[in-house]
Amino acid sequence: MVLKQTVWSPDTCSCVIGLIWDDTVLLASRTHTAKVVAVGPEHSSLPIVSSIVVENVNLPAVATDVASAVVGENQRKNLILGEIGSILGDPQAIGSILAKGAVTASYTGSGGTRVLNLSVGTVLPTALQQMALANYATIIGGPNVIVISSGTLGTVVATV
């Protein structure tokens, strides 16, 4: 068994997480353990548990500890951004869309119930595309966890 560790600072908060895994296990079978290295103000109200298995983070559950909140928020953001690429028919497109600032993602609030605010601008111009994203957000977000707004319609597409 060869344990590797990397320190990770997500783009969703200012917390720092240590990720630990066994390098001798194939990626498809590997689990990653997350341990809190530093807690940012966004999650300071949550308790720190000794560690969590990243692959066991259950979306859309409300997080009850720092590591689950940080990992869950980051996974939720990445999943919804990937879904935008899928809706557009090009899963790789999200990188260039984000680079151009056409889609922005940010979190508000604190603790285990932070809200992902996603602005899709004019990237998803049709109501059908926006509804597809809202439906997906419902699946991974749970109640009142993701707010999607669109510059195309000038309204909030979904609060899920």
C-alpha atoms as a PDB file:
ATOM      1  CA  MET A   1       0.000   0.000   0.000  1.00  0.00           C
ATOM      2  CA  VAL A   2       1.425   3.368  -1.075  1.00  0.00           C
ATOM      3  CA  LEU A   3      -0.571   6.271   0.300  1.00  0.00           C
ATOM      4  CA  LYS A   4      -0.409   9.533  -1.596  1.00  0.00           C
ATOM      5  CA  GLN A   5      -1.676  12.867  -0.370  1.00  0.00           C
ATOM      6  CA  THR A   6      -2.387  16.145  -2.052  1.00  0.00           C
ATOM      7  CA  VAL A   7      -3.659  19.373  -0.540  1.00  0.00           C
ATOM      8  CA  TRP A   8      -6.627  20.866  -2.315  1.00  0.00           C
ATOM      9  CA  SER A   9      -8.166  24.331  -2.112  1.00  0.00           C
ATOM     10  CA  PRO A  10     -11.493  24.337  -3.962  1.00  0.00           C
ATOM     11  CA  ASP A  11     -12.755  27.307  -5.940  1.00  0.00           C
ATOM     12  CA  THR A  12     -16.030  27.198  -3.995  1.00  0.00           C
ATOM     13  CA  CYS A  13     -14.701  28.362  -0.607  1.00  0.00           C
ATOM     14  CA  SER A  14     -11.493  29.153   1.269  1.00  0.00           C
ATOM     15  CA  CYS A  15     -11.225  25.809   3.099  1.00  0.00           C
ATOM     16  CA  VAL A  16      -8.250  23.502   2.534  1.00  0.00           C
ATOM     17  CA  ILE A  17      -8.707  19.729   2.273  1.00  0.00           C
ATOM     18  CA  GLY A  18      -6.120  16.956   2.268  1.00  0.00           C
ATOM     19  CA  LEU A  19      -6.962  14.132  -0.145  1.00  0.00           C
ATOM     20  CA  ILE A  20      -5.418  10.729   0.575  1.00  0.00           C
ATOM     21  CA  TRP A  21      -5.506   7.639  -1.657  1.00  0.00           C
ATOM     22  CA  ASP A  22      -3.722   4.342  -2.223  1.00  0.00           C
ATOM     23  CA  ASP A  23      -1.651   4.670  -5.387  1.00  0.00           C
ATOM     24  CA  THR A  24      -1.479   0.885  -5.862  1.00  0.00           C
ATOM     25  CA  VAL A  25      -5.260   0.627  -6.411  1.00  0.00           C
ATOM     26  CA  LEU A  26      -6.619   1.225  -9.924  1.00  0.00           C
ATOM     27  CA  LEU A  27      -8.501   4.505 -10.303  1.00  0.00           C
ATOM     28  CA  ALA A  28     -11.811   2.738 -11.029  1.00  0.00           C
ATOM     29  CA  SER A  29     -11.577   0.922  -7.667  1.00  0.00           C
ATOM     30  CA  ARG A  30      -9.824   3.592  -5.631  1.00  0.00           C
ATOM     31  CA  THR A  31     -11.376   5.604  -2.835  1.00  0.00           C
ATOM     32  CA  HIS A  32     -10.190   9.030  -1.730  1.00  0.00           C
ATOM     33  CA  THR A  33     -10.257  10.104   1.899  1.00  0.00           C
ATOM     34  CA  ALA A  34     -10.709  13.789   2.686  1.00  0.00           C
ATOM     35  CA  LYS A  35      -9.375  15.397   5.851  1.00  0.00           C
ATOM     36  CA  VAL A  36      -9.819  19.041   6.753  1.00  0.00           C
ATOM     37  CA  VAL A  37      -6.544  20.984   6.814  1.00  0.00           C
ATOM     38  CA  ALA A  38      -8.046  24.463   7.314  1.00  0.00           C
ATOM     39  CA  VAL A  39     -11.595  25.771   7.696  1.00  0.00           C
ATOM     40  CA  GLY A  40     -12.661  28.971   5.978  1.00  0.00           C
ATOM     41  CA  PRO A  41     -15.358  31.298   7.313  1.00  0.00           C
ATOM     42  CA  GLU A  42     -17.913  29.813   4.903  1.00  0.00           C
ATOM     43  CA  HIS A  43     -17.947  26.518   6.826  1.00  0.00           C
ATOM     44  CA  SER A  44     -16.774  27.545  10.295  1.00  0.00           C
ATOM     45  CA  SER A  45     -20.184  26.743  11.800  1.00  0.00           C
ATOM     46  CA  LEU A  46     -19.859  23.064  10.858  1.00  0.00           C
ATOM     47  CA  PRO A  47     -18.046  20.406  12.886  1.00  0.00           C
ATOM     48  CA  ILE A  48     -14.867  18.742  11.668  1.00  0.00           C
ATOM     49  CA  VAL A  49     -14.966  14.948  11.476  1.00  0.00           C
ATOM     50  CA  SER A  50     -11.794  12.874  11.369  1.00  0.00           C
ATOM     51  CA  SER A  51     -12.223  12.028   7.669  1.00  0.00           C
ATOM     52  CA  ILE A  52     -14.769  11.165   4.973  1.00  0.00           C
ATOM     53  CA  VAL A  53     -14.663   8.949   1.908  1.00  0.00           C
ATOM     54  CA  VAL A  54     -15.122  11.335  -1.022  1.00  0.00           C
ATOM     55  CA  GLU A  55     -16.949   8.782  -3.154  1.00  0.00           C
ATOM     56  CA  ASN A  56     -19.567   8.416  -0.383  1.00  0.00           C
ATOM     57  CA  VAL A  57     -20.601  12.085  -0.384  1.00  0.00           C
ATOM     58  CA  ASN A  58     -24.314  11.926  -1.018  1.00  0.00           C
ATOM     59  CA  LEU A  59     -25.779  14.627  -3.230  1.00  0.00           C
ATOM     60  CA  PRO A  60     -28.155  16.364  -2.655  1.00  0.00           C
ATOM     61  CA  ALA A  61     -27.969  15.809   1.103  1.00  0.00           C
ATOM     62  CA  VAL A  62     -27.383  18.810   3.358  1.00  0.00           C
ATOM     63  CA  ALA A  63     -23.825  18.607   4.636  1.00  0.00           C
ATOM     64  CA  THR A  64     -23.341  18.016   8.339  1.00  0.00           C
ATOM     65  CA  ASP A  65     -19.563  18.487   8.498  1.00  0.00           C
ATOM     66  CA  VAL A  66     -16.875  20.620   6.870  1.00  0.00           C
ATOM     67  CA  ALA A  67     -15.377  17.999   4.540  1.00  0.00           C
ATOM     68  CA  SER A  68     -18.764  16.818   3.253  1.00  0.00           C
ATOM     69  CA  ALA A  69     -19.855  20.412   2.633  1.00  0.00           C
ATOM     70  CA  VAL A  70     -16.686  21.338   0.739  1.00  0.00           C
ATOM     71  CA  VAL A  71     -16.599  18.170  -1.371  1.00  0.00           C
ATOM     72  CA  GLY A  72     -20.361  18.258  -2.026  1.00  0.00           C
ATOM     73  CA  GLU A  73     -20.354  21.893  -3.125  1.00  0.00           C
ATOM     74  CA  ASN A  74     -17.459  21.353  -5.477  1.00  0.00           C
ATOM     75  CA  GLN A  75     -18.975  18.195  -6.967  1.00  0.00           C
ATOM     76  CA  ARG A  76     -22.344  19.914  -7.410  1.00  0.00           C
ATOM     77  CA  LYS A  77     -20.729  22.863  -9.208  1.00  0.00           C
ATOM     78  CA  ASN A  78     -18.674  20.604 -11.478  1.00  0.00           C
ATOM     79  CA  LEU A  79     -21.665  18.393 -12.298  1.00  0.00           C
ATOM     80  CA  ILE A  80     -23.900  21.324 -13.228  1.00  0.00           C
ATOM     81  CA  LEU A  81     -21.182  22.933 -15.350  1.00  0.00           C
ATOM     82  CA  GLY A  82     -20.629  19.612 -17.127  1.00  0.00           C
ATOM     83  CA  GLU A  83     -24.352  19.362 -17.761  1.00  0.00           C
ATOM     84  CA  ILE A  84     -24.277  22.726 -19.551  1.00  0.00           C
ATOM     85  CA  GLY A  85     -21.714  21.258 -21.956  1.00  0.00           C
ATOM     86  CA  SER A  86     -23.879  18.166 -22.444  1.00  0.00           C
ATOM     87  CA  ILE A  87     -26.970  20.263 -23.158  1.00  0.00           C
ATOM     88  CA  LEU A  88     -24.962  22.200 -25.743  1.00  0.00           C
ATOM     89  CA  GLY A  89     -23.868  18.895 -27.295  1.00  0.00           C
ATOM     90  CA  ASP A  90     -20.192  19.353 -26.446  1.00  0.00           C
ATOM     91  CA  PRO A  91     -19.163  18.216 -22.938  1.00  0.00           C
ATOM     92  CA  GLN A  92     -15.714  19.777 -23.436  1.00  0.00           C
ATOM     93  CA  ALA A  93     -17.183  23.202 -24.269  1.00  0.00           C
ATOM     94  CA  ILE A  94     -17.558  24.324 -20.679  1.00  0.00           C
ATOM     95  CA  GLY A  95     -13.840  25.122 -20.348  1.00  0.00           C
ATOM     96  CA  SER A  96     -13.924  27.756 -23.078  1.00  0.00           C
ATOM     97  CA  ILE A  97     -17.329  29.026 -21.912  1.00  0.00           C
ATOM     98  CA  LEU A  98     -15.977  29.589 -18.397  1.00  0.00           C
ATOM     99  CA  ALA A  99     -12.799  31.194 -19.747  1.00  0.00           C
ATOM    100  CA  LYS A 100     -14.911  33.723 -21.651  1.00  0.00           C
ATOM    101  CA  GLY A 101     -16.959  34.509 -18.528  1.00  0.00           C
ATOM    102  CA  ALA A 102     -20.172  33.481 -20.277  1.00  0.00           C
ATOM    103  CA  VAL A 103     -21.119  31.303 -17.309  1.00  0.00           C
ATOM    104  CA  THR A 104     -20.337  32.193 -13.715  1.00  0.00           C
ATOM    105  CA  ALA A 105     -20.753  30.132 -10.585  1.00  0.00           C
ATOM    106  CA  SER A 106     -20.498  31.375  -7.018  1.00  0.00           C
ATOM    107  CA  TYR A 107     -21.707  30.335  -3.591  1.00  0.00           C
ATOM    108  CA  THR A 108     -23.524  32.422  -0.988  1.00  0.00           C
ATOM    109  CA  GLY A 109     -24.412  31.669   2.591  1.00  0.00           C
ATOM    110  CA  SER A 110     -22.563  29.588   5.149  1.00  0.00           C
ATOM    111  CA  GLY A 111     -22.509  26.187   6.762  1.00  0.00           C
ATOM    112  CA  GLY A 112     -24.092  23.116   5.224  1.00  0.00           C
ATOM    113  CA  THR A 113     -26.798  24.941   3.278  1.00  0.00           C
ATOM    114  CA  ARG A 114     -24.825  27.234   0.995  1.00  0.00           C
ATOM    115  CA  VAL A 115     -26.497  28.162  -2.293  1.00  0.00           C
ATOM    116  CA  LEU A 116     -24.852  27.793  -5.709  1.00  0.00           C
ATOM    117  CA  ASN A 117     -25.679  30.846  -7.825  1.00  0.00           C
ATOM    118  CA  LEU A 118     -25.230  30.025 -11.485  1.00  0.00           C
ATOM    119  CA  SER A 119     -25.545  32.675 -14.173  1.00  0.00           C
ATOM    120  CA  VAL A 120     -25.752  31.148 -17.633  1.00  0.00           C
ATOM    121  CA  GLY A 121     -25.950  34.468 -19.470  1.00  0.00           C
ATOM    122  CA  THR A 122     -26.936  33.788 -23.069  1.00  0.00           C
ATOM    123  CA  VAL A 123     -25.198  30.392 -23.266  1.00  0.00           C
ATOM    124  CA  LEU A 124     -28.510  28.491 -23.087  1.00  0.00           C
ATOM    125  CA  PRO A 125     -30.748  30.654 -25.271  1.00  0.00           C
ATOM    126  CA  THR A 126     -33.836  28.469 -25.408  1.00  0.00           C
ATOM    127  CA  ALA A 127     -36.379  27.831 -22.687  1.00  0.00           C
ATOM    128  CA  LEU A 128     -36.057  24.096 -23.407  1.00  0.00           C
ATOM    129  CA  GLN A 129     -32.303  24.158 -22.723  1.00  0.00           C
ATOM    130  CA  GLN A 130     -32.835  26.160 -19.561  1.00  0.00           C
ATOM    131  CA  MET A 131     -35.528  23.756 -18.346  1.00  0.00           C
ATOM    132  CA  ALA A 132     -33.211  20.799 -18.990  1.00  0.00           C
ATOM    133  CA  LEU A 133     -30.581  22.455 -16.796  1.00  0.00           C
ATOM    134  CA  ALA A 134     -33.153  23.274 -14.117  1.00  0.00           C
ATOM    135  CA  ASN A 135     -34.335  19.648 -14.087  1.00  0.00           C
ATOM    136  CA  TYR A 136     -30.766  18.402 -13.694  1.00  0.00           C
ATOM    137  CA  ALA A 137     -30.148  20.952 -10.933  1.00  0.00           C
ATOM    138  CA  THR A 138     -33.139  19.538  -9.061  1.00  0.00           C
ATOM    139  CA  ILE A 139     -31.595  16.067  -9.156  1.00  0.00           C
ATOM    140  CA  ILE A 140     -28.179  17.087  -7.803  1.00  0.00           C
ATOM    141  CA  GLY A 141     -29.181  20.096  -5.746  1.00  0.00           C
ATOM    142  CA  GLY A 142     -32.120  19.332  -3.569  1.00  0.00           C
ATOM    143  CA  PRO A 143     -34.377  22.090  -2.250  1.00  0.00           C
ATOM    144  CA  ASN A 144     -33.116  25.687  -2.387  1.00  0.00           C
ATOM    145  CA  VAL A 145     -29.518  24.758  -3.177  1.00  0.00           C
ATOM    146  CA  ILE A 146     -29.036  25.992  -6.759  1.00  0.00           C
ATOM    147  CA  VAL A 147     -30.272  29.272  -8.263  1.00  0.00           C
ATOM    148  CA  ILE A 148     -29.938  29.569 -12.046  1.00  0.00           C
ATOM    149  CA  SER A 149     -30.369  32.893 -13.799  1.00  0.00           C
ATOM    150  CA  SER A 150     -30.284  33.652 -17.506  1.00  0.00           C
ATOM    151  CA  GLY A 151     -29.458  36.839 -19.360  1.00  0.00           C
ATOM    152  CA  THR A 152     -31.483  35.550 -22.298  1.00  0.00           C
ATOM    153  CA  LEU A 153     -34.831  35.648 -20.579  1.00  0.00           C
ATOM    154  CA  GLY A 154     -33.750  38.107 -17.922  1.00  0.00           C
ATOM    155  CA  THR A 155     -35.326  35.978 -15.211  1.00  0.00           C
ATOM    156  CA  VAL A 156     -34.453  33.333 -12.710  1.00  0.00           C
ATOM    157  CA  VAL A 157     -34.737  30.077 -14.598  1.00  0.00           C
ATOM    158  CA  ALA A 158     -34.886  27.908 -11.503  1.00  0.00           C
ATOM    159  CA  THR A 159     -34.458  27.910  -7.800  1.00  0.00           C
ATOM    160  CA  VAL A 160     -34.066  24.316  -6.782  1.00  0.00           C
END
